[in-house]
C-alpha atoms as a PDB file:
ATOM      1  CA  MET A   1      12.372  36.769  -3.338  1.00  0.00           C
ATOM      2  CA  PRO A   2      11.590  36.578  -6.874  1.00  0.00           C
ATOM      3  CA  ALA A   3      10.178  33.690  -8.497  1.00  0.00           C
ATOM      4  CA  PRO A   4      13.190  31.490 -10.241  1.00  0.00           C
ATOM      5  CA  LYS A   5      13.420  31.600 -14.051  1.00  0.00           C
ATOM      6  CA  GLY A   6      14.041  28.947 -16.517  1.00  0.00           C
ATOM      7  CA  ASN A   7      13.914  25.112 -15.217  1.00  0.00           C
ATOM      8  CA  LYS A   8      14.365  26.174 -11.461  1.00  0.00           C
ATOM      9  CA  PHE A   9      11.463  26.231  -9.019  1.00  0.00           C
ATOM     10  CA  ALA A  10      11.142  26.591  -5.393  1.00  0.00           C
ATOM     11  CA  VAL A  11      10.079  23.563  -3.344  1.00  0.00           C
ATOM     12  CA  GLY A  12      10.171  24.785   0.420  1.00  0.00           C
ATOM     13  CA  ASN A  13      12.150  26.440   2.926  1.00  0.00           C
ATOM     14  CA  LYS A  14      15.117  25.166   4.816  1.00  0.00           C
ATOM     15  CA  GLY A  15      15.271  27.737   7.928  1.00  0.00           C
ATOM     16  CA  ASN A  16      15.436  30.868   6.243  1.00  0.00           C
ATOM     17  CA  THR A  17      16.784  29.596   2.882  1.00  0.00           C
ATOM     18  CA  THR A  18      14.338  28.665   0.029  1.00  0.00           C
ATOM     19  CA  ILE A  19      15.509  25.710  -1.716  1.00  0.00           C
ATOM     20  CA  PHE A  20      15.411  25.388  -5.539  1.00  0.00           C
ATOM     21  CA  TRP A  21      15.200  22.201  -7.454  1.00  0.00           C
ATOM     22  CA  THR A  22      15.871  21.827 -11.331  1.00  0.00           C
ATOM     23  CA  ASN A  23      13.640  19.911 -13.383  1.00  0.00           C
ATOM     24  CA  GLU A  24      16.657  17.226 -13.878  1.00  0.00           C
ATOM     25  CA  LYS A  25      17.075  16.937 -10.137  1.00  0.00           C
ATOM     26  CA  LYS A  26      13.131  16.690  -9.345  1.00  0.00           C
ATOM     27  CA  GLN A  27      12.883  13.984 -12.077  1.00  0.00           C
ATOM     28  CA  ALA A  28      15.928  12.054 -10.652  1.00  0.00           C
ATOM     29  CA  ALA A  29      14.314  12.437  -7.194  1.00  0.00           C
ATOM     30  CA  SER A  30      11.143  11.087  -8.586  1.00  0.00           C
ATOM     31  CA  LYS A  31      12.708   8.131 -10.196  1.00  0.00           C
ATOM     32  CA  ILE A  32      14.411   7.202  -6.834  1.00  0.00           C
ATOM     33  CA  ILE A  33      11.182   7.417  -4.987  1.00  0.00           C
ATOM     34  CA  LEU A  34       9.288   5.396  -7.587  1.00  0.00           C
ATOM     35  CA  GLU A  35      11.625   2.578  -7.589  1.00  0.00           C
ATOM     36  CA  GLU A  36      11.865   2.452  -3.978  1.00  0.00           C
ATOM     37  CA  ILE A  37       7.833   2.180  -3.979  1.00  0.00           C
ATOM     38  CA  THR A  38       7.861  -0.657  -6.178  1.00  0.00           C
ATOM     39  CA  LYS A  39      10.322  -2.341  -3.984  1.00  0.00           C
ATOM     40  CA  GLY A  40       7.750  -2.267  -1.148  1.00  0.00           C
ATOM     41  CA  ARG A  41       8.816   0.948   0.797  1.00  0.00           C
ATOM     42  CA  SER A  42       6.387   3.419   1.761  1.00  0.00           C
ATOM     43  CA  VAL A  43       6.796   7.152   0.566  1.00  0.00           C
ATOM     44  CA  ARG A  44       6.916   8.254   4.431  1.00  0.00           C
ATOM     45  CA  SER A  45       9.753   5.666   4.876  1.00  0.00           C
ATOM     46  CA  ILE A  46      11.732   6.705   1.890  1.00  0.00           C
ATOM     47  CA  LEU A  47      11.311  10.495   2.694  1.00  0.00           C
ATOM     48  CA  HIS A  48      11.667  10.337   6.421  1.00  0.00           C
ATOM     49  CA  PRO A  49      13.377  13.204   7.493  1.00  0.00           C
ATOM     50  CA  ASP A  50      15.818  11.470   9.765  1.00  0.00           C
ATOM     51  CA  THR A  51      16.972   8.967   6.877  1.00  0.00           C
ATOM     52  CA  ARG A  52      16.644  10.632   3.538  1.00  0.00           C
ATOM     53  CA  GLU A  53      19.464  12.032   1.511  1.00  0.00           C
ATOM     54  CA  LYS A  54      18.303  15.675   1.816  1.00  0.00           C
ATOM     55  CA  ASP A  55      20.410  16.682  -1.279  1.00  0.00           C
ATOM     56  CA  LYS A  56      18.965  13.914  -3.474  1.00  0.00           C
ATOM     57  CA  LEU A  57      15.247  13.754  -2.138  1.00  0.00           C
ATOM     58  CA  PRO A  58      12.563  16.129  -1.198  1.00  0.00           C
ATOM     59  CA  ALA A  59      10.719  16.600   1.870  1.00  0.00           C
ATOM     60  CA  TYR A  60       7.547  14.280   2.174  1.00  0.00           C
ATOM     61  CA  THR A  61       5.319  17.257   1.812  1.00  0.00           C
ATOM     62  CA  THR A  62       7.330  18.586  -1.058  1.00  0.00           C
ATOM     63  CA  PHE A  63       6.712  15.209  -3.011  1.00  0.00           C
ATOM     64  CA  LEU A  64       2.911  15.421  -2.365  1.00  0.00           C
ATOM     65  CA  LYS A  65       3.167  18.937  -3.930  1.00  0.00           C
ATOM     66  CA  TRP A  66       4.684  17.266  -7.008  1.00  0.00           C
ATOM     67  CA  LEU A  67       2.191  14.728  -7.226  1.00  0.00           C
ATOM     68  CA  GLU A  68      -0.721  17.375  -7.217  1.00  0.00           C
ATOM     69  CA  GLU A  69       1.057  19.539  -9.857  1.00  0.00           C
ATOM     70  CA  ASP A  70       2.413  16.684 -12.217  1.00  0.00           C
ATOM     71  CA  ASN A  71      -0.253  14.446 -13.917  1.00  0.00           C
ATOM     72  CA  ASP A  72       2.289  12.212 -15.441  1.00  0.00           C
ATOM     73  CA  LEU A  73       4.086  11.978 -12.151  1.00  0.00           C
ATOM     74  CA  ALA A  74       0.883  11.159 -10.316  1.00  0.00           C
ATOM     75  CA  ASN A  75       0.430   8.355 -13.078  1.00  0.00           C
ATOM     76  CA  GLN A  76       3.651   7.100 -12.447  1.00  0.00           C
ATOM     77  CA  TYR A  77       3.011   7.032  -8.584  1.00  0.00           C
ATOM     78  CA  ALA A  78      -0.162   5.240  -8.903  1.00  0.00           C
ATOM     79  CA  ARG A  79       1.605   2.443 -11.138  1.00  0.00           C
ATOM     80  CA  ALA A  80       4.234   2.142  -8.618  1.00  0.00           C
ATOM     81  CA  MET A  81       1.675   1.732  -6.180  1.00  0.00           C
ATOM     82  CA  GLU A  82       0.007  -1.257  -7.818  1.00  0.00           C
ATOM     83  CA  TRP A  83       3.359  -2.703  -8.266  1.00  0.00           C
ATOM     84  CA  ARG A  84       3.914  -2.204  -4.685  1.00  0.00           C
ATOM     85  CA  ALA A  85       0.701  -4.187  -3.795  1.00  0.00           C
ATOM     86  CA  GLU A  86       1.768  -7.008  -6.105  1.00  0.00           C
ATOM     87  CA  GLY A  87       4.788  -7.202  -4.312  1.00  0.00           C
ATOM     88  CA  LEU A  88       2.822  -7.575  -1.020  1.00  0.00           C
ATOM     89  CA  LEU A  89       0.919 -10.133  -2.433  1.00  0.00           C
ATOM     90  CA  GLU A  90       3.784 -12.201  -3.576  1.00  0.00           C
ATOM     91  CA  ASP A  91       5.247 -11.841  -0.177  1.00  0.00           C
ATOM     92  CA  THR A  92       2.210 -13.140   1.407  1.00  0.00           C
ATOM     93  CA  ILE A  93       2.538 -16.383  -0.671  1.00  0.00           C
ATOM     94  CA  ASP A  94       6.031 -16.503   0.064  1.00  0.00           C
ATOM     95  CA  ILE A  95       5.700 -16.241   3.929  1.00  0.00           C
ATOM     96  CA  ALA A  96       2.714 -18.870   3.631  1.00  0.00           C
ATOM     97  CA  ASP A  97       4.861 -21.400   1.704  1.00  0.00           C
ATOM     98  CA  ASP A  98       7.971 -20.880   3.914  1.00  0.00           C
ATOM     99  CA  THR A  99       7.903 -23.827   6.273  1.00  0.00           C
ATOM    100  CA  SER A 100      11.768 -23.950   7.384  1.00  0.00           C
ATOM    101  CA  ASN A 101      11.095 -22.811  11.175  1.00  0.00           C
ATOM    102  CA  ASP A 102       7.780 -24.439  11.691  1.00  0.00           C
ATOM    103  CA  LEU A 103       8.790 -27.249  13.577  1.00  0.00           C
ATOM    104  CA  ILE A 104      11.504 -27.049  16.656  1.00  0.00           C
ATOM    105  CA  ILE A 105      13.259 -30.043  18.699  1.00  0.00           C
ATOM    106  CA  ASP A 106      11.207 -30.827  21.599  1.00  0.00           C
ATOM    107  CA  LYS A 107      13.420 -33.630  22.779  1.00  0.00           C
ATOM    108  CA  GLU A 108      15.882 -36.417  21.621  1.00  0.00           C
ATOM    109  CA  ILE A 109      15.304 -39.958  22.669  1.00  0.00           C
ATOM    110  CA  GLU A 110      18.171 -42.328  21.710  1.00  0.00           C
ATOM    111  CA  GLY A 111      19.280 -40.424  18.896  1.00  0.00           C
ATOM    112  CA  ILE A 112      15.798 -39.784  17.398  1.00  0.00           C
ATOM    113  CA  ARG A 113      14.609 -36.154  17.600  1.00  0.00           C
ATOM    114  CA  ILE A 114      11.145 -35.551  18.590  1.00  0.00           C
ATOM    115  CA  MET A 115       9.707 -32.270  16.841  1.00  0.00           C
ATOM    116  CA  LYS A 116       6.888 -29.987  17.764  1.00  0.00           C
ATOM    117  CA  PRO A 117       5.210 -26.912  16.204  1.00  0.00           C
ATOM    118  CA  ASN A 118       6.983 -23.687  16.505  1.00  0.00           C
ATOM    119  CA  LYS A 119       4.082 -21.906  17.876  1.00  0.00           C
ATOM    120  CA  ASP A 120       5.682 -18.676  18.065  1.00  0.00           C
ATOM    121  CA  HIS A 121       7.075 -18.877  14.354  1.00  0.00           C
ATOM    122  CA  ILE A 122       3.588 -19.904  12.951  1.00  0.00           C
ATOM    123  CA  LEU A 123       1.770 -16.993  14.717  1.00  0.00           C
ATOM    124  CA  ARG A 124       4.448 -14.457  13.647  1.00  0.00           C
ATOM    125  CA  ALA A 125       3.988 -15.856  10.091  1.00  0.00           C
ATOM    126  CA  ARG A 126       0.229 -15.607  10.231  1.00  0.00           C
ATOM    127  CA  LEU A 127       0.579 -12.038  11.653  1.00  0.00           C
ATOM    128  CA  LYS A 128       2.760 -10.929   8.894  1.00  0.00           C
ATOM    129  CA  ILE A 129       0.437 -12.485   6.203  1.00  0.00           C
ATOM    130  CA  GLU A 130      -2.741 -10.742   7.725  1.00  0.00           C
ATOM    131  CA  ALA A 131      -1.071  -7.638   8.036  1.00  0.00           C
ATOM    132  CA  ARG A 132      -0.214  -7.643   4.347  1.00  0.00           C
ATOM    133  CA  GLN A 133      -3.801  -8.884   3.410  1.00  0.00           C
ATOM    134  CA  PHE A 134      -5.058  -5.783   5.372  1.00  0.00           C
ATOM    135  CA  ALA A 135      -2.727  -3.401   3.527  1.00  0.00           C
ATOM    136  CA  LEU A 136      -3.757  -4.934   0.080  1.00  0.00           C
ATOM    137  CA  ARG A 137      -7.569  -4.534   1.092  1.00  0.00           C
ATOM    138  CA  LYS A 138      -6.840  -0.818   1.953  1.00  0.00           C
ATOM    139  CA  MET A 139      -4.644  -0.087  -0.997  1.00  0.00           C
ATOM    140  CA  ALA A 140      -6.841  -1.608  -3.624  1.00  0.00           C
ATOM    141  CA  PRO A 141     -10.330  -2.540  -2.424  1.00  0.00           C
ATOM    142  CA  LYS A 142     -11.909  -3.272  -5.852  1.00  0.00           C
ATOM    143  CA  LYS A 143      -8.978  -5.945  -6.625  1.00  0.00           C
ATOM    144  CA  TYR A 144      -8.371  -7.476  -2.912  1.00  0.00           C
ATOM    145  CA  GLY A 145     -11.182  -6.367  -0.776  1.00  0.00           C
ATOM    146  CA  GLU A 146     -13.944  -8.463   0.432  1.00  0.00           C
ATOM    147  CA  LYS A 147     -16.579  -9.257  -1.938  1.00  0.00           C
ATOM    148  CA  LEU A 148     -20.197  -8.908  -0.910  1.00  0.00           C
ATOM    149  CA  ASP A 149     -22.753 -11.679  -2.583  1.00  0.00           C
ATOM    150  CA  VAL A 150     -25.899  -9.969  -2.952  1.00  0.00           C
ATOM    151  CA  THR A 151     -27.623 -12.902  -4.478  1.00  0.00           C
ATOM    152  CA  SER A 152     -29.708 -15.790  -3.543  1.00  0.00           C
ATOM    153  CA  GLY A 153     -28.312 -19.103  -4.510  1.00  0.00           C
ATOM    154  CA  GLY A 154     -26.252 -17.463  -7.269  1.00  0.00           C
ATOM    155  CA  LYS A 155     -29.370 -15.682  -8.597  1.00  0.00           C
ATOM    156  CA  GLU A 156     -29.834 -11.934  -8.400  1.00  0.00           C
ATOM    157  CA  LEU A 157     -32.668 -10.829  -5.766  1.00  0.00           C
ATOM    158  CA  ALA A 158     -35.790  -9.892  -7.390  1.00  0.00           C
ATOM    159  CA  SER A 159     -37.319  -6.953  -5.296  1.00  0.00           C
ATOM    160  CA  LYS A 160     -39.518  -4.161  -5.837  1.00  0.00           C
ATOM    161  CA  ILE A 161     -40.203  -1.300  -3.637  1.00  0.00           C
ATOM    162  CA  ASP A 162     -43.569   0.692  -3.951  1.00  0.00           C
ATOM    163  CA  LEU A 163     -43.761   3.895  -2.374  1.00  0.00           C
ATOM    164  CA  ASN A 164     -46.850   6.239  -2.181  1.00  0.00           C
ATOM    165  CA  TYR A 165     -47.096   9.513  -3.167  1.00  0.00           C
ATOM    166  CA  ASN A 166     -45.138  11.218  -0.148  1.00  0.00           C
ATOM    167  CA  GLY A 167     -42.268   8.651  -0.458  1.00  0.00           C
ATOM    168  CA  SER A 168     -43.187   6.447   2.432  1.00  0.00           C
ATOM    169  CA  LEU A 169     -42.946   2.568   2.034  1.00  0.00           C
ATOM    170  CA  VAL A 170     -46.125   1.016   1.147  1.00  0.00           C
ATOM    171  CA  ASN A 171     -45.283  -2.394  -0.149  1.00  0.00           C
ATOM    172  CA  LEU A 172     -42.314  -5.043  -0.630  1.00  0.00           C
ATOM    173  CA  ARG A 173     -42.827  -7.589  -3.274  1.00  0.00           C
ATOM    174  CA  GLY A 174     -40.453 -10.290  -4.736  1.00  0.00           C
ATOM    175  CA  ILE A 175     -38.402 -10.912  -1.385  1.00  0.00           C
END
């Protein structure tokens, strides 16, 4: 099949049929995908073959090709992922601040309710927080990753390594 002309381009095959997208349709699909990412959804969930609207959204691999070929779209995607990370951070704070189900009624004595911690709810909240923190550390390690302190009492370590002519260690000073 000859290459399409004008603002149409091939994006993949559906059975024996080649699917073509116009630039307008690609932009509309990209806008939907980027908006969903900023709401916290993953690209894989947005473009899942069983749930995506096939006439409005491309296949996952097609979107990845678009990102490789279109620097502007790749930059917009990177920004959407940053907003997604910020949303995860806000979710973490919201989960930590929500104490609505932390206590349950243990028993009632003469009209007085005796409360006890709802361990299942508290542990589930903790798991949700830790999962989001893990995701944040992987998504943006420079911003949310663990920081290593390579100092001694707040001061930089002063070290010097002397090597002899063949590169083997001779002396360590200042440690």
